[in-house]
Structure formats: structure tokens, C-alpha cells
Amino acid sequence: MRSPAARRDGDPGSGGDLASEIAAGSKIARRTAVVGAEGGSLDSDTECRIQAATGGGQALPDSLQQSMGGAFGADFSGVRLHVGPESDQLNERIQARAFTVGSDVFVRRSDYSPGSPAGQHLIAHELAHTVQQGGAPVQRSAPEVIRRNTAMQIV
């Protein structure tokens, strides 16, 4: 059995709840560097095509930015979504349904269904990787400052 680091989205047995997948942290995020049923390195052509595509794509739809951003407490306005022939081919090359590089999410057209629970789970899974890889900053509220009244009262 392969280690979690070698899993790609869409692998048999890669199911499970999203919370446990997110908790696995960087082990899952590193999965983009391995391909094929037994793992291995990306070929240079695939790597070049991925690099050429990063930064392209389109913004995440507003409804997904808001719902997923609220759920994660993250700003997904900089995430670029790739759904089309090039994304299909890249996913085919690495035998995945979807993968993430920084703030770029590549999804097979046949698996992009943001209106379905399965489609939302896949997108949420990939957005978790954007947070892990630093592509979507987590929004943190400023810490509340507690000030002590140091003035002495004379009675």
C-alpha cells in the first residue's frame, strides 16, 4: 500500500471525511509531485505544462468563494480554477480527478459539479490544499486586547 504522500484525488481508497484529510496536512499536499499507480516523478513536459497554466484559469465563482471561504475562514479570491481541455489532459497525465499547485486548482470537467455534494467535497478538498500550500491566506481576527485599569482609586 502506498503512503498517504503518494495519494492523488480520485485514488481508490482515498475517501474518508474531509476533516481527517485536512488534518493529515502536508502529507496530502505533497501528493502533486507523484504520479501513476505506483507513484513516480512528473515528466518534464507535464511539469512545464502545469507551470505554463498556473495563474491562468478563472476566478472561483462568487458563491463558492463565499460559502467555502466562510467555512474555512480563508480568502479564496486569489484562487484560479482550471476546468477545460488542458486541465483534463493534465489530470489524465497524473491520473487524478483534481490537483492543486499553490492557488491553482485543476479539475477534470467530468468531476466539476459545484452544485452536487460530491462536487462540493472535491472542491473543498482542493481548497484545503490551497490553504496548506499558502495559496489562500487564512483570515484571522485581531486578538482582543484586554487592558487593566491601573489607576488607583482613593476612597
C-alpha atoms as a PDB file:
ATOM      1  CA  MET A   1       0.000   0.000   0.000  1.00  0.00           C
ATOM      2  CA  ARG A   2       1.276   3.460  -0.869  1.00  0.00           C
ATOM      3  CA  SER A   3       1.880   6.077   1.756  1.00  0.00           C
ATOM      4  CA  PRO A   4      -0.590   8.981   2.087  1.00  0.00           C
ATOM      5  CA  ALA A   5       2.035  11.204   0.462  1.00  0.00           C
ATOM      6  CA  ALA A   6       1.574   9.283  -2.782  1.00  0.00           C
ATOM      7  CA  ARG A   7      -2.228   9.608  -2.923  1.00  0.00           C
ATOM      8  CA  ARG A   8      -3.922  11.712  -5.523  1.00  0.00           C
ATOM      9  CA  ASP A   9      -7.551  12.741  -5.510  1.00  0.00           C
ATOM     10  CA  GLY A  10      -9.562  10.041  -7.160  1.00  0.00           C
ATOM     11  CA  ASP A  11      -7.445   7.142  -5.896  1.00  0.00           C
ATOM     12  CA  PRO A  12      -9.442   4.138  -4.764  1.00  0.00           C
ATOM     13  CA  GLY A  13      -9.456   4.154  -1.000  1.00  0.00           C
ATOM     14  CA  SER A  14      -8.697   7.855  -0.750  1.00  0.00           C
ATOM     15  CA  GLY A  15     -12.169   8.538   0.605  1.00  0.00           C
ATOM     16  CA  GLY A  16     -12.934   9.474   4.144  1.00  0.00           C
ATOM     17  CA  ASP A  17     -14.174  12.606   5.688  1.00  0.00           C
ATOM     18  CA  LEU A  18     -12.723  15.943   4.716  1.00  0.00           C
ATOM     19  CA  ALA A  19     -11.749  16.819   8.279  1.00  0.00           C
ATOM     20  CA  SER A  20      -9.410  13.833   8.568  1.00  0.00           C
ATOM     21  CA  GLU A  21      -7.922  14.595   5.154  1.00  0.00           C
ATOM     22  CA  ILE A  22      -7.269  18.204   6.160  1.00  0.00           C
ATOM     23  CA  ALA A  23      -5.810  17.041   9.481  1.00  0.00           C
ATOM     24  CA  ALA A  24      -3.300  14.914   7.544  1.00  0.00           C
ATOM     25  CA  GLY A  25      -1.831  18.240   6.446  1.00  0.00           C
ATOM     26  CA  SER A  26       1.238  18.483   4.317  1.00  0.00           C
ATOM     27  CA  LYS A  27       1.433  14.744   3.626  1.00  0.00           C
ATOM     28  CA  ILE A  28      -1.558  15.058   1.312  1.00  0.00           C
ATOM     29  CA  ALA A  29      -0.453  18.415  -0.080  1.00  0.00           C
ATOM     30  CA  ARG A  30       2.777  16.837  -1.306  1.00  0.00           C
ATOM     31  CA  ARG A  31       0.848  14.378  -3.469  1.00  0.00           C
ATOM     32  CA  THR A  32       1.162  16.607  -6.533  1.00  0.00           C
ATOM     33  CA  ALA A  33       4.776  15.558  -7.001  1.00  0.00           C
ATOM     34  CA  VAL A  34       3.985  11.894  -7.638  1.00  0.00           C
ATOM     35  CA  VAL A  35       2.095  10.270 -10.474  1.00  0.00           C
ATOM     36  CA  GLY A  36       0.932   6.913 -11.694  1.00  0.00           C
ATOM     37  CA  ALA A  37      -0.433   3.909  -9.859  1.00  0.00           C
ATOM     38  CA  GLU A  38       2.913   3.287  -8.164  1.00  0.00           C
ATOM     39  CA  GLY A  39       3.971   6.919  -7.882  1.00  0.00           C
ATOM     40  CA  GLY A  40       6.972   8.497  -9.539  1.00  0.00           C
ATOM     41  CA  SER A  41       8.190  11.874 -10.703  1.00  0.00           C
ATOM     42  CA  LEU A  42       6.419  14.193 -13.096  1.00  0.00           C
ATOM     43  CA  ASP A  43       7.828  14.093 -16.593  1.00  0.00           C
ATOM     44  CA  SER A  44       9.310  17.398 -17.727  1.00  0.00           C
ATOM     45  CA  ASP A  45       6.594  18.011 -20.347  1.00  0.00           C
ATOM     46  CA  THR A  46       3.808  17.657 -17.766  1.00  0.00           C
ATOM     47  CA  GLU A  47       5.679  19.844 -15.305  1.00  0.00           C
ATOM     48  CA  CYS A  48       6.189  22.538 -17.980  1.00  0.00           C
ATOM     49  CA  ARG A  49       2.517  22.409 -18.976  1.00  0.00           C
ATOM     50  CA  ILE A  50       1.416  22.793 -15.361  1.00  0.00           C
ATOM     51  CA  GLN A  51       3.782  25.729 -14.846  1.00  0.00           C
ATOM     52  CA  ALA A  52       2.548  27.372 -18.063  1.00  0.00           C
ATOM     53  CA  ALA A  53      -1.069  27.029 -16.928  1.00  0.00           C
ATOM     54  CA  THR A  54      -0.604  28.369 -13.399  1.00  0.00           C
ATOM     55  CA  GLY A  55      -2.035  31.825 -12.956  1.00  0.00           C
ATOM     56  CA  GLY A  56      -4.473  31.240 -15.822  1.00  0.00           C
ATOM     57  CA  GLY A  57      -7.877  29.693 -15.416  1.00  0.00           C
ATOM     58  CA  GLN A  58     -10.681  31.723 -13.913  1.00  0.00           C
ATOM     59  CA  ALA A  59     -11.649  33.043 -10.520  1.00  0.00           C
ATOM     60  CA  LEU A  60     -13.634  30.762  -8.273  1.00  0.00           C
ATOM     61  CA  PRO A  61     -17.352  31.577  -8.689  1.00  0.00           C
ATOM     62  CA  ASP A  62     -18.539  34.126  -6.108  1.00  0.00           C
ATOM     63  CA  SER A  63     -20.956  31.662  -4.495  1.00  0.00           C
ATOM     64  CA  LEU A  64     -18.121  29.176  -3.905  1.00  0.00           C
ATOM     65  CA  GLN A  65     -15.752  31.900  -2.690  1.00  0.00           C
ATOM     66  CA  GLN A  66     -18.302  32.984  -0.106  1.00  0.00           C
ATOM     67  CA  SER A  67     -19.510  29.576   1.090  1.00  0.00           C
ATOM     68  CA  MET A  68     -16.114  27.889   1.144  1.00  0.00           C
ATOM     69  CA  GLY A  69     -14.339  30.998   2.412  1.00  0.00           C
ATOM     70  CA  GLY A  70     -16.746  31.199   5.323  1.00  0.00           C
ATOM     71  CA  ALA A  71     -16.369  27.508   6.115  1.00  0.00           C
ATOM     72  CA  PHE A  72     -12.566  27.620   6.009  1.00  0.00           C
ATOM     73  CA  GLY A  73     -12.108  31.135   7.348  1.00  0.00           C
ATOM     74  CA  ALA A  74      -9.925  31.810   4.305  1.00  0.00           C
ATOM     75  CA  ASP A  75      -9.834  34.257   1.417  1.00  0.00           C
ATOM     76  CA  PHE A  76     -10.215  32.333  -1.851  1.00  0.00           C
ATOM     77  CA  SER A  77     -10.370  35.426  -4.079  1.00  0.00           C
ATOM     78  CA  GLY A  78      -6.899  34.651  -5.453  1.00  0.00           C
ATOM     79  CA  VAL A  79      -7.661  31.024  -6.302  1.00  0.00           C
ATOM     80  CA  ARG A  80      -7.612  30.216 -10.017  1.00  0.00           C
ATOM     81  CA  LEU A  81      -9.875  27.403 -11.207  1.00  0.00           C
ATOM     82  CA  HIS A  82      -8.879  25.397 -14.283  1.00  0.00           C
ATOM     83  CA  VAL A  83     -11.692  23.374 -15.866  1.00  0.00           C
ATOM     84  CA  GLY A  84     -11.267  22.608 -19.539  1.00  0.00           C
ATOM     85  CA  PRO A  85      -9.361  20.534 -22.081  1.00  0.00           C
ATOM     86  CA  GLU A  86      -5.893  21.387 -20.728  1.00  0.00           C
ATOM     87  CA  SER A  87      -6.947  20.609 -17.156  1.00  0.00           C
ATOM     88  CA  ASP A  88      -8.483  17.339 -18.363  1.00  0.00           C
ATOM     89  CA  GLN A  89      -5.235  16.354 -20.076  1.00  0.00           C
ATOM     90  CA  LEU A  90      -3.075  17.274 -17.081  1.00  0.00           C
ATOM     91  CA  ASN A  91      -5.314  15.322 -14.713  1.00  0.00           C
ATOM     92  CA  GLU A  92      -5.199  12.389 -17.128  1.00  0.00           C
ATOM     93  CA  ARG A  93      -1.394  12.523 -17.175  1.00  0.00           C
ATOM     94  CA  ILE A  94      -1.135  12.344 -13.397  1.00  0.00           C
ATOM     95  CA  GLN A  95      -4.140  10.015 -13.035  1.00  0.00           C
ATOM     96  CA  ALA A  96      -6.159  12.341 -10.819  1.00  0.00           C
ATOM     97  CA  ARG A  97      -9.634  13.867 -10.728  1.00  0.00           C
ATOM     98  CA  ALA A  98      -8.209  17.147  -9.439  1.00  0.00           C
ATOM     99  CA  PHE A  99      -4.964  18.584  -8.141  1.00  0.00           C
ATOM    100  CA  THR A 100      -3.682  21.825  -6.687  1.00  0.00           C
ATOM    101  CA  VAL A 101      -0.499  23.818  -7.209  1.00  0.00           C
ATOM    102  CA  GLY A 102      -0.338  26.845  -4.906  1.00  0.00           C
ATOM    103  CA  SER A 103      -3.509  28.833  -5.613  1.00  0.00           C
ATOM    104  CA  ASP A 104      -4.307  26.993  -8.880  1.00  0.00           C
ATOM    105  CA  VAL A 105      -6.885  24.206  -8.773  1.00  0.00           C
ATOM    106  CA  PHE A 106      -7.096  21.883 -11.797  1.00  0.00           C
ATOM    107  CA  VAL A 107     -10.304  19.816 -12.046  1.00  0.00           C
ATOM    108  CA  ARG A 108     -11.478  17.390 -14.724  1.00  0.00           C
ATOM    109  CA  ARG A 109     -14.582  18.725 -16.443  1.00  0.00           C
ATOM    110  CA  SER A 110     -16.422  15.470 -15.736  1.00  0.00           C
ATOM    111  CA  ASP A 111     -15.784  15.923 -11.996  1.00  0.00           C
ATOM    112  CA  TYR A 112     -16.565  19.641 -11.771  1.00  0.00           C
ATOM    113  CA  SER A 113     -20.085  19.799 -10.359  1.00  0.00           C
ATOM    114  CA  PRO A 114     -20.189  22.531  -7.715  1.00  0.00           C
ATOM    115  CA  GLY A 115     -23.938  22.045  -7.241  1.00  0.00           C
ATOM    116  CA  SER A 116     -23.630  18.441  -6.056  1.00  0.00           C
ATOM    117  CA  PRO A 117     -22.423  17.221  -2.651  1.00  0.00           C
ATOM    118  CA  ALA A 118     -19.654  15.143  -4.295  1.00  0.00           C
ATOM    119  CA  GLY A 119     -18.558  18.129  -6.393  1.00  0.00           C
ATOM    120  CA  GLN A 120     -18.526  20.411  -3.360  1.00  0.00           C
ATOM    121  CA  HIS A 121     -16.499  17.852  -1.406  1.00  0.00           C
ATOM    122  CA  LEU A 122     -13.916  17.650  -4.202  1.00  0.00           C
ATOM    123  CA  ILE A 123     -13.649  21.438  -4.425  1.00  0.00           C
ATOM    124  CA  ALA A 124     -13.419  21.759  -0.624  1.00  0.00           C
ATOM    125  CA  HIS A 125     -10.669  19.139  -0.601  1.00  0.00           C
ATOM    126  CA  GLU A 126      -8.661  21.044  -3.207  1.00  0.00           C
ATOM    127  CA  LEU A 127      -9.266  24.390  -1.492  1.00  0.00           C
ATOM    128  CA  ALA A 128      -7.860  22.862   1.698  1.00  0.00           C
ATOM    129  CA  HIS A 129      -4.665  22.277  -0.270  1.00  0.00           C
ATOM    130  CA  THR A 130      -4.558  25.927  -1.368  1.00  0.00           C
ATOM    131  CA  VAL A 131      -4.626  26.888   2.309  1.00  0.00           C
ATOM    132  CA  GLN A 132      -1.943  24.304   3.157  1.00  0.00           C
ATOM    133  CA  GLN A 133       0.275  25.476   0.308  1.00  0.00           C
ATOM    134  CA  GLY A 134      -0.139  29.153   1.180  1.00  0.00           C
ATOM    135  CA  GLY A 135      -2.240  29.989  -1.876  1.00  0.00           C
ATOM    136  CA  ALA A 136      -5.247  31.141   0.166  1.00  0.00           C
ATOM    137  CA  PRO A 137      -4.477  33.114   3.308  1.00  0.00           C
ATOM    138  CA  VAL A 138      -6.444  32.243   6.414  1.00  0.00           C
ATOM    139  CA  GLN A 139      -8.385  35.183   7.777  1.00  0.00           C
ATOM    140  CA  ARG A 140      -7.651  35.656  11.433  1.00  0.00           C
ATOM    141  CA  SER A 141      -9.384  38.198  13.575  1.00  0.00           C
ATOM    142  CA  ALA A 142      -7.197  40.551  15.554  1.00  0.00           C
ATOM    143  CA  PRO A 143      -6.646  39.346  19.094  1.00  0.00           C
ATOM    144  CA  GLU A 144      -8.775  41.115  21.632  1.00  0.00           C
ATOM    145  CA  VAL A 145      -6.687  43.361  23.815  1.00  0.00           C
ATOM    146  CA  ILE A 146      -7.548  43.326  27.474  1.00  0.00           C
ATOM    147  CA  ARG A 147      -6.413  46.405  29.333  1.00  0.00           C
ATOM    148  CA  ARG A 148      -6.217  46.557  33.051  1.00  0.00           C
ATOM    149  CA  ASN A 149      -7.238  49.771  34.740  1.00  0.00           C
ATOM    150  CA  THR A 150      -4.110  50.696  36.634  1.00  0.00           C
ATOM    151  CA  ALA A 151      -5.420  53.950  38.064  1.00  0.00           C
ATOM    152  CA  MET A 152      -5.726  53.780  41.815  1.00  0.00           C
ATOM    153  CA  GLN A 153      -8.873  54.975  43.431  1.00  0.00           C
ATOM    154  CA  ILE A 154      -8.622  56.808  46.732  1.00  0.00           C
ATOM    155  CA  VAL A 155     -11.574  56.298  48.962  1.00  0.00           C
END
